[in-house]
Amino acid sequence: MTQTTTARDGLQALRAIAFLLVLVQHVVYYATAVKGLDYRPYLPIDFGQAGVILFFTISGYVMGSCLDQGPRFMWNRAARVYPPFWVAVLLSWLLLAGTGEWHVDLWSALLLPTVALNNDYNIPYWTLCYEVAFYALVYVFILCRLSREHIAMACVVWLVLIVATWAYKTGEPIRVHEPGWWILLSQDSIFFVLGLFVSTAGAGSLERWSGAQLALAGVLVWSIFQPQLAAMQVPAMAGGAVACVLVMLAAQRMRFPRALVAIGDMSYGGYLIHLVLVVAVVRHFIADLAQMRLAVVIVILLLVAALGGMAYGWLEYQLHNRVLKKLFRGKEKSLPVTSLA
C-alpha cells in the first residue's frame, strides 16, 4: 500500500489532533477538581474519548501497512511501545512517589489485559493494553500467512463476534477500561477492526470522494452518534468508528501545517507523560492553584502538560528513529509504524 507524503502527514496531523483532545480533557478535568467544581458542564463533549478512538482507528489502519514485516512485526511493535512507556513510568515515580501512594506491578509493566488498573502511574496506559492485544492478533494473522483479502474477512468475523458478545454476554458487562481477557471483544476494539478492514480491503467508492466531502460525512456521522458514545454501547461505537474512518481518509487528502504534523510525530511521548505532569503540578501546588481563577488554572496546567509533553515526545521520537528503529529494523512500509505515536 503506497502512501504519499501528503497522506502520511495527514495521519500525523490527525494523530496530533487526537493527542490535543486528550490533553484538553485531562487539563479541564483536573482544573475543575482543583476548584471543587463539577467538570461535566465544562466538558459536554468527551474530548478524551474522541481522541482515543481516533488513535485506535489510525492504529488499525496503519498496521495494515506493516503486514509484510513477517516475524519481525512484534519486535518492531515492542521497540515502539515499551521503552517509552517504561521511561514514563520511571518519571511518574520520580514526580509522584512522594506525593501519595505509588507502586509498580509486572502486569501493568507488560501492558497485559487487566481488570484492575494501576492508577498510581497516572498514565492512561489502558489504551496501550488494547494496542498490544491488537498487535498480538495481527501477529497471528501474519504467522498464519493470511492474505490481505483473508484478513479483511477476518475483520468482518471479528466485528460479528464483538456484536454477539455484547448481545449475549450475561452478568457484568465488559468494562472498557478494565476488560481483562475480553479485551479483543470489547466495544473499543471496533475501532481497530474498521481501521484494519479499510487498510486491507480498501475504501471502495470512497476513494473518489474529496477530502472535504469525507470530512463532512465524518462529522455528520459523528454528530449523530456522539450523544450515545458516552454509554459505550456497541451500536454507538460502530457509528463512531465509521465517523473516525471517514475523518481519517479525509485527513490523508488534506494538507496541514507543518507544526501540527510535528506534534503528531511527538504525540506518543506527549500522550504518555502529559497526565503525570498535570497531576504533579496539582499535588505540589494545590493550595496556590485553589486561590486562582479557573481560567488561570487551566492555562497553567495546559502549558505545563503541552510543553513538558512535547519535550518528552521529541526526545522519545528522536531516540526511536536514531537508535531503536535501527536496532529493530525490519522491512518497513512508507507509513510510520505506530501505537499511539
C-alpha atoms as a PDB file:
ATOM      1  CA  MET A   1       0.000   0.000   0.000  1.00  0.00           C
ATOM      2  CA  THR A   2       1.866   3.050  -1.290  1.00  0.00           C
ATOM      3  CA  GLN A   3       1.255   6.284   0.579  1.00  0.00           C
ATOM      4  CA  THR A   4       2.153   9.800  -0.488  1.00  0.00           C
ATOM      5  CA  THR A   5       3.834  12.330   1.770  1.00  0.00           C
ATOM      6  CA  THR A   6       0.503  14.163   1.991  1.00  0.00           C
ATOM      7  CA  ALA A   7      -1.228  11.013   3.233  1.00  0.00           C
ATOM      8  CA  ARG A   8       1.476  10.354   5.819  1.00  0.00           C
ATOM      9  CA  ASP A   9       1.401  13.957   7.036  1.00  0.00           C
ATOM     10  CA  GLY A  10      -2.384  13.849   7.193  1.00  0.00           C
ATOM     11  CA  LEU A  11      -2.306  10.858   9.521  1.00  0.00           C
ATOM     12  CA  GLN A  12       0.319  12.516  11.704  1.00  0.00           C
ATOM     13  CA  ALA A  13      -1.712  15.722  11.890  1.00  0.00           C
ATOM     14  CA  LEU A  14      -4.805  13.740  12.841  1.00  0.00           C
ATOM     15  CA  ARG A  15      -2.746  11.980  15.487  1.00  0.00           C
ATOM     16  CA  ALA A  16      -1.758  15.410  16.830  1.00  0.00           C
ATOM     17  CA  ILE A  17      -5.404  16.451  16.998  1.00  0.00           C
ATOM     18  CA  ALA A  18      -6.236  13.239  18.861  1.00  0.00           C
ATOM     19  CA  PHE A  19      -3.487  13.935  21.404  1.00  0.00           C
ATOM     20  CA  LEU A  20      -4.626  17.536  21.904  1.00  0.00           C
ATOM     21  CA  LEU A  21      -8.195  16.361  22.507  1.00  0.00           C
ATOM     22  CA  VAL A  22      -7.000  14.002  25.256  1.00  0.00           C
ATOM     23  CA  LEU A  23      -4.814  16.761  26.695  1.00  0.00           C
ATOM     24  CA  VAL A  24      -7.705  19.240  26.907  1.00  0.00           C
ATOM     25  CA  GLN A  25      -9.942  16.632  28.553  1.00  0.00           C
ATOM     26  CA  HIS A  26      -7.452  15.890  31.328  1.00  0.00           C
ATOM     27  CA  VAL A  27      -6.459  19.515  31.898  1.00  0.00           C
ATOM     28  CA  VAL A  28     -10.050  20.738  32.269  1.00  0.00           C
ATOM     29  CA  TYR A  29     -10.967  17.762  34.463  1.00  0.00           C
ATOM     30  CA  TYR A  30      -8.136  18.418  36.934  1.00  0.00           C
ATOM     31  CA  ALA A  31      -8.548  22.195  36.831  1.00  0.00           C
ATOM     32  CA  THR A  32     -12.204  21.904  37.846  1.00  0.00           C
ATOM     33  CA  ALA A  33     -11.246  19.376  40.533  1.00  0.00           C
ATOM     34  CA  VAL A  34      -8.787  21.901  41.994  1.00  0.00           C
ATOM     35  CA  LYS A  35     -11.594  24.463  42.187  1.00  0.00           C
ATOM     36  CA  GLY A  36     -14.064  21.943  43.604  1.00  0.00           C
ATOM     37  CA  LEU A  37     -16.301  22.168  40.533  1.00  0.00           C
ATOM     38  CA  ASP A  38     -18.191  19.552  38.564  1.00  0.00           C
ATOM     39  CA  TYR A  39     -16.285  19.028  35.300  1.00  0.00           C
ATOM     40  CA  ARG A  40     -19.320  17.943  33.259  1.00  0.00           C
ATOM     41  CA  PRO A  41     -20.714  21.424  32.445  1.00  0.00           C
ATOM     42  CA  TYR A  42     -17.269  22.319  31.089  1.00  0.00           C
ATOM     43  CA  LEU A  43     -16.884  19.091  29.082  1.00  0.00           C
ATOM     44  CA  PRO A  44     -20.280  18.341  27.499  1.00  0.00           C
ATOM     45  CA  ILE A  45     -18.292  16.580  24.772  1.00  0.00           C
ATOM     46  CA  ASP A  46     -15.898  13.862  25.889  1.00  0.00           C
ATOM     47  CA  PHE A  47     -12.823  15.105  24.046  1.00  0.00           C
ATOM     48  CA  GLY A  48     -10.669  12.408  25.630  1.00  0.00           C
ATOM     49  CA  GLN A  49     -12.802   9.628  24.241  1.00  0.00           C
ATOM     50  CA  ALA A  50     -12.819  11.278  20.803  1.00  0.00           C
ATOM     51  CA  GLY A  51      -9.021  11.392  20.862  1.00  0.00           C
ATOM     52  CA  VAL A  52      -8.629   7.784  21.949  1.00  0.00           C
ATOM     53  CA  ILE A  53     -10.983   6.368  19.322  1.00  0.00           C
ATOM     54  CA  LEU A  54      -9.147   8.340  16.634  1.00  0.00           C
ATOM     55  CA  PHE A  55      -5.871   6.857  17.880  1.00  0.00           C
ATOM     56  CA  PHE A  56      -7.330   3.338  17.754  1.00  0.00           C
ATOM     57  CA  THR A  57      -8.716   3.782  14.237  1.00  0.00           C
ATOM     58  CA  ILE A  58      -5.420   5.156  12.914  1.00  0.00           C
ATOM     59  CA  SER A  59      -3.507   2.331  14.573  1.00  0.00           C
ATOM     60  CA  GLY A  60      -5.775  -0.271  12.986  1.00  0.00           C
ATOM     61  CA  TYR A  61      -5.286   1.338   9.596  1.00  0.00           C
ATOM     62  CA  VAL A  62      -1.508   1.711   9.853  1.00  0.00           C
ATOM     63  CA  MET A  63      -0.992  -1.893  10.920  1.00  0.00           C
ATOM     64  CA  GLY A  64      -2.325  -2.906   7.529  1.00  0.00           C
ATOM     65  CA  SER A  65       0.840  -1.401   6.043  1.00  0.00           C
ATOM     66  CA  CYS A  66       3.055  -3.493   8.322  1.00  0.00           C
ATOM     67  CA  LEU A  67       1.779  -6.934   7.358  1.00  0.00           C
ATOM     68  CA  ASP A  68       4.846  -7.810   5.278  1.00  0.00           C
ATOM     69  CA  GLN A  69       7.234  -7.316   8.200  1.00  0.00           C
ATOM     70  CA  GLY A  70       6.816 -11.002   8.968  1.00  0.00           C
ATOM     71  CA  PRO A  71       8.155 -12.372  12.271  1.00  0.00           C
ATOM     72  CA  ARG A  72       9.853  -9.015  12.949  1.00  0.00           C
ATOM     73  CA  PHE A  73       6.469  -7.347  13.312  1.00  0.00           C
ATOM     74  CA  MET A  74       6.176  -7.970  17.047  1.00  0.00           C
ATOM     75  CA  TRP A  75       9.787  -6.942  17.672  1.00  0.00           C
ATOM     76  CA  ASN A  76       9.138  -3.659  15.881  1.00  0.00           C
ATOM     77  CA  ARG A  77       5.965  -3.105  17.888  1.00  0.00           C
ATOM     78  CA  ALA A  78       7.690  -3.872  21.180  1.00  0.00           C
ATOM     79  CA  ALA A  79      10.517  -1.445  20.385  1.00  0.00           C
ATOM     80  CA  ARG A  80       7.965   1.264  19.641  1.00  0.00           C
ATOM     81  CA  VAL A  81       5.674   0.774  22.624  1.00  0.00           C
ATOM     82  CA  TYR A  82       7.561  -0.490  25.666  1.00  0.00           C
ATOM     83  CA  PRO A  83      10.757   1.597  26.138  1.00  0.00           C
ATOM     84  CA  PRO A  84       8.956   4.990  26.119  1.00  0.00           C
ATOM     85  CA  PHE A  85       6.279   3.583  28.420  1.00  0.00           C
ATOM     86  CA  TRP A  86       8.824   2.244  30.908  1.00  0.00           C
ATOM     87  CA  VAL A  87      10.653   5.570  30.963  1.00  0.00           C
ATOM     88  CA  ALA A  88       7.323   7.330  31.543  1.00  0.00           C
ATOM     89  CA  VAL A  89       6.659   5.007  34.492  1.00  0.00           C
ATOM     90  CA  LEU A  90      10.064   5.923  35.903  1.00  0.00           C
ATOM     91  CA  LEU A  91       9.297   9.635  35.523  1.00  0.00           C
ATOM     92  CA  SER A  92       5.955   9.045  37.217  1.00  0.00           C
ATOM     93  CA  TRP A  93       7.780   7.538  40.189  1.00  0.00           C
ATOM     94  CA  LEU A  94      10.214  10.456  40.356  1.00  0.00           C
ATOM     95  CA  LEU A  95       7.448  13.076  40.240  1.00  0.00           C
ATOM     96  CA  LEU A  96       4.633  11.401  42.158  1.00  0.00           C
ATOM     97  CA  ALA A  97       6.013   8.752  44.522  1.00  0.00           C
ATOM     98  CA  GLY A  98       6.483  11.259  47.340  1.00  0.00           C
ATOM     99  CA  THR A  99       3.030  12.810  46.940  1.00  0.00           C
ATOM    100  CA  GLY A 100       0.850   9.759  47.540  1.00  0.00           C
ATOM    101  CA  GLU A 101       0.601   6.007  47.224  1.00  0.00           C
ATOM    102  CA  TRP A 102       2.658   4.655  44.316  1.00  0.00           C
ATOM    103  CA  HIS A 103       3.515   1.101  43.318  1.00  0.00           C
ATOM    104  CA  VAL A 104       4.614  -0.751  40.219  1.00  0.00           C
ATOM    105  CA  ASP A 105       3.442  -4.211  39.187  1.00  0.00           C
ATOM    106  CA  LEU A 106       4.527  -6.640  36.482  1.00  0.00           C
ATOM    107  CA  TRP A 107       1.090  -6.948  34.888  1.00  0.00           C
ATOM    108  CA  SER A 108       0.858  -3.249  34.076  1.00  0.00           C
ATOM    109  CA  ALA A 109       4.556  -3.040  33.155  1.00  0.00           C
ATOM    110  CA  LEU A 110       3.949  -5.650  30.442  1.00  0.00           C
ATOM    111  CA  LEU A 111       0.708  -3.973  29.334  1.00  0.00           C
ATOM    112  CA  LEU A 112      -1.332  -7.137  29.771  1.00  0.00           C
ATOM    113  CA  PRO A 113      -5.148  -7.007  29.828  1.00  0.00           C
ATOM    114  CA  THR A 114      -6.341  -6.238  33.318  1.00  0.00           C
ATOM    115  CA  VAL A 115      -9.450  -5.964  35.475  1.00  0.00           C
ATOM    116  CA  ALA A 116      -7.660  -3.687  37.964  1.00  0.00           C
ATOM    117  CA  LEU A 117      -5.752  -0.730  36.536  1.00  0.00           C
ATOM    118  CA  ASN A 118      -2.720   0.601  38.372  1.00  0.00           C
ATOM    119  CA  ASN A 119      -3.892   4.203  38.656  1.00  0.00           C
ATOM    120  CA  ASP A 120      -0.828   5.218  40.692  1.00  0.00           C
ATOM    121  CA  TYR A 121       1.106   5.857  37.473  1.00  0.00           C
ATOM    122  CA  ASN A 122      -1.341   8.489  36.242  1.00  0.00           C
ATOM    123  CA  ILE A 123      -0.515   7.290  32.741  1.00  0.00           C
ATOM    124  CA  PRO A 124      -3.549   6.340  30.614  1.00  0.00           C
ATOM    125  CA  TYR A 125      -1.872   3.041  29.778  1.00  0.00           C
ATOM    126  CA  TRP A 126      -5.153   1.137  29.486  1.00  0.00           C
ATOM    127  CA  THR A 127      -5.181   2.192  25.826  1.00  0.00           C
ATOM    128  CA  LEU A 128      -1.768   0.585  25.328  1.00  0.00           C
ATOM    129  CA  CYS A 129      -3.185  -2.694  26.630  1.00  0.00           C
ATOM    130  CA  TYR A 130      -5.650  -2.555  23.729  1.00  0.00           C
ATOM    131  CA  GLU A 131      -2.839  -1.732  21.325  1.00  0.00           C
ATOM    132  CA  VAL A 132      -0.690  -4.669  22.466  1.00  0.00           C
ATOM    133  CA  ALA A 133      -3.627  -7.091  22.310  1.00  0.00           C
ATOM    134  CA  PHE A 134      -4.413  -5.878  18.796  1.00  0.00           C
ATOM    135  CA  TYR A 135      -0.784  -6.272  17.713  1.00  0.00           C
ATOM    136  CA  ALA A 136      -0.790  -9.823  19.045  1.00  0.00           C
ATOM    137  CA  LEU A 137      -3.813 -10.653  16.893  1.00  0.00           C
ATOM    138  CA  VAL A 138      -2.257  -9.070  13.799  1.00  0.00           C
ATOM    139  CA  TYR A 139       0.887 -11.072  14.528  1.00  0.00           C
ATOM    140  CA  VAL A 140      -1.193 -14.266  14.468  1.00  0.00           C
ATOM    141  CA  PHE A 141      -2.564 -13.211  11.069  1.00  0.00           C
ATOM    142  CA  ILE A 142       0.995 -12.689   9.832  1.00  0.00           C
ATOM    143  CA  LEU A 143       2.246 -16.025  11.163  1.00  0.00           C
ATOM    144  CA  CYS A 144      -0.723 -17.781   9.560  1.00  0.00           C
ATOM    145  CA  ARG A 145       0.262 -16.124   6.250  1.00  0.00           C
ATOM    146  CA  LEU A 146      -3.219 -14.759   5.667  1.00  0.00           C
ATOM    147  CA  SER A 147      -3.662 -12.667   2.550  1.00  0.00           C
ATOM    148  CA  ARG A 148      -4.986  -9.123   2.802  1.00  0.00           C
ATOM    149  CA  GLU A 149      -8.327 -10.368   1.499  1.00  0.00           C
ATOM    150  CA  HIS A 150      -8.485 -13.037   4.198  1.00  0.00           C
ATOM    151  CA  ILE A 151      -7.542 -10.518   6.888  1.00  0.00           C
ATOM    152  CA  ALA A 152     -10.321  -8.227   5.694  1.00  0.00           C
ATOM    153  CA  MET A 153     -12.736 -11.139   6.012  1.00  0.00           C
ATOM    154  CA  ALA A 154     -11.331 -11.914   9.474  1.00  0.00           C
ATOM    155  CA  CYS A 155     -12.188  -8.331  10.441  1.00  0.00           C
ATOM    156  CA  VAL A 156     -15.795  -8.976   9.438  1.00  0.00           C
ATOM    157  CA  VAL A 157     -15.872 -12.100  11.615  1.00  0.00           C
ATOM    158  CA  TRP A 158     -14.204 -10.182  14.441  1.00  0.00           C
ATOM    159  CA  LEU A 159     -16.892  -7.492  14.277  1.00  0.00           C
ATOM    160  CA  VAL A 160     -19.629 -10.130  14.337  1.00  0.00           C
ATOM    161  CA  LEU A 161     -18.066 -11.653  17.461  1.00  0.00           C
ATOM    162  CA  ILE A 162     -17.964  -8.264  19.189  1.00  0.00           C
ATOM    163  CA  VAL A 163     -21.638  -7.650  18.408  1.00  0.00           C
ATOM    164  CA  ALA A 164     -22.614 -11.163  19.503  1.00  0.00           C
ATOM    165  CA  THR A 165     -20.638 -10.851  22.730  1.00  0.00           C
ATOM    166  CA  TRP A 166     -22.337  -7.553  23.521  1.00  0.00           C
ATOM    167  CA  ALA A 167     -25.761  -9.052  22.817  1.00  0.00           C
ATOM    168  CA  TYR A 168     -25.354 -12.387  24.605  1.00  0.00           C
ATOM    169  CA  LYS A 169     -22.860 -11.815  27.426  1.00  0.00           C
ATOM    170  CA  THR A 170     -24.630 -12.253  30.744  1.00  0.00           C
ATOM    171  CA  GLY A 171     -23.595 -10.917  34.113  1.00  0.00           C
ATOM    172  CA  GLU A 172     -21.264  -7.951  34.403  1.00  0.00           C
ATOM    173  CA  PRO A 173     -20.715  -6.143  31.075  1.00  0.00           C
ATOM    174  CA  ILE A 174     -17.227  -5.725  29.673  1.00  0.00           C
ATOM    175  CA  ARG A 175     -15.635  -2.693  31.319  1.00  0.00           C
ATOM    176  CA  VAL A 176     -13.890  -0.727  28.587  1.00  0.00           C
ATOM    177  CA  HIS A 177     -11.027   0.469  30.782  1.00  0.00           C
ATOM    178  CA  GLU A 178     -10.584  -2.864  32.557  1.00  0.00           C
ATOM    179  CA  PRO A 179     -11.769  -5.551  30.118  1.00  0.00           C
ATOM    180  CA  GLY A 180      -9.438  -8.365  31.203  1.00  0.00           C
ATOM    181  CA  TRP A 181      -9.199 -11.202  28.695  1.00  0.00           C
ATOM    182  CA  TRP A 182     -12.345  -9.952  26.959  1.00  0.00           C
ATOM    183  CA  ILE A 183     -10.272  -7.089  25.565  1.00  0.00           C
ATOM    184  CA  LEU A 184     -10.473  -8.032  21.877  1.00  0.00           C
ATOM    185  CA  LEU A 185     -14.262  -8.383  22.187  1.00  0.00           C
ATOM    186  CA  SER A 186     -14.682  -5.067  23.969  1.00  0.00           C
ATOM    187  CA  GLN A 187     -16.554  -2.215  22.331  1.00  0.00           C
ATOM    188  CA  ASP A 188     -13.393  -0.154  21.841  1.00  0.00           C
ATOM    189  CA  SER A 189     -11.865  -2.867  19.648  1.00  0.00           C
ATOM    190  CA  ILE A 190     -14.383  -1.928  16.952  1.00  0.00           C
ATOM    191  CA  PHE A 191     -12.134   0.985  16.002  1.00  0.00           C
ATOM    192  CA  PHE A 192      -9.186  -1.322  15.345  1.00  0.00           C
ATOM    193  CA  VAL A 193     -11.481  -3.584  13.311  1.00  0.00           C
ATOM    194  CA  LEU A 194     -12.662  -0.864  10.960  1.00  0.00           C
ATOM    195  CA  GLY A 195      -9.229   0.697  10.633  1.00  0.00           C
ATOM    196  CA  LEU A 196      -7.619  -2.618   9.679  1.00  0.00           C
ATOM    197  CA  PHE A 197     -10.519  -3.528   7.397  1.00  0.00           C
ATOM    198  CA  VAL A 198     -10.200  -0.331   5.344  1.00  0.00           C
ATOM    199  CA  SER A 199      -6.429  -0.794   5.192  1.00  0.00           C
ATOM    200  CA  THR A 200      -6.706  -4.333   3.816  1.00  0.00           C
ATOM    201  CA  ALA A 201      -9.939  -4.202   1.810  1.00  0.00           C
ATOM    202  CA  GLY A 202      -9.648  -0.641   0.534  1.00  0.00           C
ATOM    203  CA  ALA A 203     -12.092   2.229   0.781  1.00  0.00           C
ATOM    204  CA  GLY A 204     -14.015   1.326  -2.367  1.00  0.00           C
ATOM    205  CA  SER A 205     -16.074   4.145  -3.869  1.00  0.00           C
ATOM    206  CA  LEU A 206     -14.940   6.473  -1.063  1.00  0.00           C
ATOM    207  CA  GLU A 207     -11.626   6.768  -2.912  1.00  0.00           C
ATOM    208  CA  ARG A 208     -13.400   9.087  -5.363  1.00  0.00           C
ATOM    209  CA  TRP A 209     -14.542  11.467  -2.635  1.00  0.00           C
ATOM    210  CA  SER A 210     -12.620  14.643  -1.916  1.00  0.00           C
ATOM    211  CA  GLY A 211     -11.119  15.371   1.469  1.00  0.00           C
ATOM    212  CA  ALA A 212     -13.818  17.940   2.189  1.00  0.00           C
ATOM    213  CA  GLN A 213     -16.607  15.506   1.281  1.00  0.00           C
ATOM    214  CA  LEU A 214     -15.162  12.789   3.504  1.00  0.00           C
ATOM    215  CA  ALA A 215     -14.625  15.228   6.376  1.00  0.00           C
ATOM    216  CA  LEU A 216     -18.198  16.495   6.146  1.00  0.00           C
ATOM    217  CA  ALA A 217     -19.568  12.945   6.074  1.00  0.00           C
ATOM    218  CA  GLY A 218     -17.411  12.009   9.068  1.00  0.00           C
ATOM    219  CA  VAL A 219     -18.566  14.991  11.124  1.00  0.00           C
ATOM    220  CA  LEU A 220     -22.212  14.335  10.238  1.00  0.00           C
ATOM    221  CA  VAL A 221     -21.962  10.687  11.299  1.00  0.00           C
ATOM    222  CA  TRP A 222     -20.116  11.641  14.484  1.00  0.00           C
ATOM    223  CA  SER A 223     -22.746  14.288  15.338  1.00  0.00           C
ATOM    224  CA  ILE A 224     -25.435  11.618  15.137  1.00  0.00           C
ATOM    225  CA  PHE A 225     -23.674   9.136  17.407  1.00  0.00           C
ATOM    226  CA  GLN A 226     -21.744  11.491  19.730  1.00  0.00           C
ATOM    227  CA  PRO A 227     -24.530  11.767  22.361  1.00  0.00           C
ATOM    228  CA  GLN A 228     -24.682   7.963  22.635  1.00  0.00           C
ATOM    229  CA  LEU A 229     -20.918   7.327  22.706  1.00  0.00           C
ATOM    230  CA  ALA A 230     -20.710   8.061  26.430  1.00  0.00           C
ATOM    231  CA  ALA A 231     -22.781   4.931  27.105  1.00  0.00           C
ATOM    232  CA  MET A 232     -20.167   2.845  25.251  1.00  0.00           C
ATOM    233  CA  GLN A 233     -22.777   0.628  23.650  1.00  0.00           C
ATOM    234  CA  VAL A 234     -21.802  -1.313  20.535  1.00  0.00           C
ATOM    235  CA  PRO A 235     -24.217   0.418  18.089  1.00  0.00           C
ATOM    236  CA  ALA A 236     -22.906   3.855  19.082  1.00  0.00           C
ATOM    237  CA  MET A 237     -19.301   2.664  18.986  1.00  0.00           C
ATOM    238  CA  ALA A 238     -19.824   1.216  15.499  1.00  0.00           C
ATOM    239  CA  GLY A 239     -21.242   4.526  14.298  1.00  0.00           C
ATOM    240  CA  GLY A 240     -18.352   6.368  15.919  1.00  0.00           C
ATOM    241  CA  ALA A 241     -15.901   4.048  14.165  1.00  0.00           C
ATOM    242  CA  VAL A 242     -17.451   4.832  10.787  1.00  0.00           C
ATOM    243  CA  ALA A 243     -17.062   8.549  11.556  1.00  0.00           C
ATOM    244  CA  CYS A 244     -13.415   8.049  12.536  1.00  0.00           C
ATOM    245  CA  VAL A 245     -12.659   6.136   9.333  1.00  0.00           C
ATOM    246  CA  LEU A 246     -14.212   8.871   7.213  1.00  0.00           C
ATOM    247  CA  VAL A 247     -12.226  11.592   9.005  1.00  0.00           C
ATOM    248  CA  MET A 248      -9.043   9.514   8.725  1.00  0.00           C
ATOM    249  CA  LEU A 249      -9.498   9.075   4.971  1.00  0.00           C
ATOM    250  CA  ALA A 250     -10.223  12.793   4.661  1.00  0.00           C
ATOM    251  CA  ALA A 251      -7.043  13.711   6.544  1.00  0.00           C
ATOM    252  CA  GLN A 252      -4.934  11.811   4.004  1.00  0.00           C
ATOM    253  CA  ARG A 253      -6.271  14.020   1.208  1.00  0.00           C
ATOM    254  CA  MET A 254      -5.693  17.316   3.003  1.00  0.00           C
ATOM    255  CA  ARG A 255      -2.676  19.495   3.771  1.00  0.00           C
ATOM    256  CA  PHE A 256      -1.929  20.550   7.336  1.00  0.00           C
ATOM    257  CA  PRO A 257       0.538  22.991   8.921  1.00  0.00           C
ATOM    258  CA  ARG A 258       3.975  21.502   9.472  1.00  0.00           C
ATOM    259  CA  ALA A 259       3.717  22.334  13.174  1.00  0.00           C
ATOM    260  CA  LEU A 260       0.692  20.067  13.527  1.00  0.00           C
ATOM    261  CA  VAL A 261       2.465  17.252  11.682  1.00  0.00           C
ATOM    262  CA  ALA A 262       5.451  17.664  14.026  1.00  0.00           C
ATOM    263  CA  ILE A 263       3.168  17.426  17.061  1.00  0.00           C
ATOM    264  CA  GLY A 264       1.818  14.195  15.581  1.00  0.00           C
ATOM    265  CA  ASP A 265       5.366  12.832  15.402  1.00  0.00           C
ATOM    266  CA  MET A 266       5.796  13.608  19.103  1.00  0.00           C
ATOM    267  CA  SER A 267       2.304  12.625  20.210  1.00  0.00           C
ATOM    268  CA  TYR A 268       3.135   9.200  21.675  1.00  0.00           C
ATOM    269  CA  GLY A 269       5.571  10.598  24.229  1.00  0.00           C
ATOM    270  CA  GLY A 270       3.251  13.507  24.905  1.00  0.00           C
ATOM    271  CA  TYR A 271       0.355  11.147  25.474  1.00  0.00           C
ATOM    272  CA  LEU A 272       2.367   9.061  27.923  1.00  0.00           C
ATOM    273  CA  ILE A 273       3.643  11.864  30.135  1.00  0.00           C
ATOM    274  CA  HIS A 274       1.143  14.738  29.976  1.00  0.00           C
ATOM    275  CA  LEU A 275      -1.135  13.461  32.736  1.00  0.00           C
ATOM    276  CA  VAL A 276       1.813  12.750  35.033  1.00  0.00           C
ATOM    277  CA  LEU A 277       2.826  16.397  34.697  1.00  0.00           C
ATOM    278  CA  VAL A 278      -0.693  17.660  35.339  1.00  0.00           C
ATOM    279  CA  VAL A 279      -1.094  15.549  38.482  1.00  0.00           C
ATOM    280  CA  ALA A 280       2.388  16.509  39.729  1.00  0.00           C
ATOM    281  CA  VAL A 281       1.600  20.236  39.448  1.00  0.00           C
ATOM    282  CA  VAL A 282      -1.768  19.786  41.135  1.00  0.00           C
ATOM    283  CA  ARG A 283      -0.339  17.779  44.031  1.00  0.00           C
ATOM    284  CA  HIS A 284       2.642  20.040  44.649  1.00  0.00           C
ATOM    285  CA  PHE A 285       0.828  23.381  44.250  1.00  0.00           C
ATOM    286  CA  ILE A 286      -2.777  22.583  45.159  1.00  0.00           C
ATOM    287  CA  ALA A 287      -3.045  25.394  47.736  1.00  0.00           C
ATOM    288  CA  ASP A 288      -1.780  28.032  45.318  1.00  0.00           C
ATOM    289  CA  LEU A 289      -3.870  26.814  42.414  1.00  0.00           C
ATOM    290  CA  ALA A 290      -7.034  26.758  44.528  1.00  0.00           C
ATOM    291  CA  GLN A 291      -6.706  30.538  45.025  1.00  0.00           C
ATOM    292  CA  MET A 292      -6.568  31.256  41.292  1.00  0.00           C
ATOM    293  CA  ARG A 293      -9.375  31.703  38.800  1.00  0.00           C
ATOM    294  CA  LEU A 294     -10.386  28.594  36.889  1.00  0.00           C
ATOM    295  CA  ALA A 295      -9.194  30.056  33.574  1.00  0.00           C
ATOM    296  CA  VAL A 296      -5.753  30.709  35.028  1.00  0.00           C
ATOM    297  CA  VAL A 297      -5.517  27.171  36.428  1.00  0.00           C
ATOM    298  CA  ILE A 298      -6.457  25.755  33.030  1.00  0.00           C
ATOM    299  CA  VAL A 299      -3.806  27.848  31.269  1.00  0.00           C
ATOM    300  CA  ILE A 300      -1.089  26.837  33.747  1.00  0.00           C
ATOM    301  CA  LEU A 301      -1.890  23.131  33.529  1.00  0.00           C
ATOM    302  CA  LEU A 302      -2.239  23.315  29.754  1.00  0.00           C
ATOM    303  CA  LEU A 303       1.166  24.960  29.328  1.00  0.00           C
ATOM    304  CA  VAL A 304       2.917  22.526  31.673  1.00  0.00           C
ATOM    305  CA  ALA A 305       1.307  19.457  30.079  1.00  0.00           C
ATOM    306  CA  ALA A 306       1.747  20.650  26.490  1.00  0.00           C
ATOM    307  CA  LEU A 307       5.328  21.895  26.774  1.00  0.00           C
ATOM    308  CA  GLY A 308       6.509  19.055  29.004  1.00  0.00           C
ATOM    309  CA  GLY A 309       4.664  16.503  26.904  1.00  0.00           C
ATOM    310  CA  MET A 310       6.168  17.801  23.677  1.00  0.00           C
ATOM    311  CA  ALA A 311       9.654  17.841  25.213  1.00  0.00           C
ATOM    312  CA  TYR A 312       9.352  14.183  26.180  1.00  0.00           C
ATOM    313  CA  GLY A 313       7.673  13.397  22.862  1.00  0.00           C
ATOM    314  CA  TRP A 314      10.524  14.990  20.912  1.00  0.00           C
ATOM    315  CA  LEU A 315      13.129  13.080  22.912  1.00  0.00           C
ATOM    316  CA  GLU A 316      11.239   9.807  22.534  1.00  0.00           C
ATOM    317  CA  TYR A 317      10.786  10.338  18.792  1.00  0.00           C
ATOM    318  CA  GLN A 318      14.464  11.095  18.250  1.00  0.00           C
ATOM    319  CA  LEU A 319      15.555   8.109  20.316  1.00  0.00           C
ATOM    320  CA  HIS A 320      13.253   5.785  18.431  1.00  0.00           C
ATOM    321  CA  ASN A 321      14.301   6.980  14.972  1.00  0.00           C
ATOM    322  CA  ARG A 322      18.027   7.202  15.674  1.00  0.00           C
ATOM    323  CA  VAL A 323      18.558   4.197  17.942  1.00  0.00           C
ATOM    324  CA  LEU A 324      15.683   1.774  18.479  1.00  0.00           C
ATOM    325  CA  LYS A 325      14.471   1.750  14.889  1.00  0.00           C
ATOM    326  CA  LYS A 326      17.940   0.768  13.718  1.00  0.00           C
ATOM    327  CA  LEU A 327      18.236  -1.991  16.292  1.00  0.00           C
ATOM    328  CA  PHE A 328      14.879  -3.487  15.404  1.00  0.00           C
ATOM    329  CA  ARG A 329      14.800  -2.610  11.737  1.00  0.00           C
ATOM    330  CA  GLY A 330      12.673  -4.819   9.538  1.00  0.00           C
ATOM    331  CA  LYS A 331      11.099  -4.339   6.177  1.00  0.00           C
ATOM    332  CA  GLU A 332       9.228  -1.059   6.533  1.00  0.00           C
ATOM    333  CA  LYS A 333       6.359   0.400   4.588  1.00  0.00           C
ATOM    334  CA  SER A 334       6.068   4.069   3.755  1.00  0.00           C
ATOM    335  CA  LEU A 335       3.559   4.734   6.524  1.00  0.00           C
ATOM    336  CA  PRO A 336       5.056   5.269  10.007  1.00  0.00           C
ATOM    337  CA  VAL A 337       4.567   2.327  12.334  1.00  0.00           C
ATOM    338  CA  THR A 338       2.785   3.445  15.449  1.00  0.00           C
ATOM    339  CA  SER A 339       0.965   2.661  18.608  1.00  0.00           C
ATOM    340  CA  LEU A 340      -0.308   5.999  19.877  1.00  0.00           C
ATOM    341  CA  ALA A 341       2.530   7.900  18.304  1.00  0.00           C
END
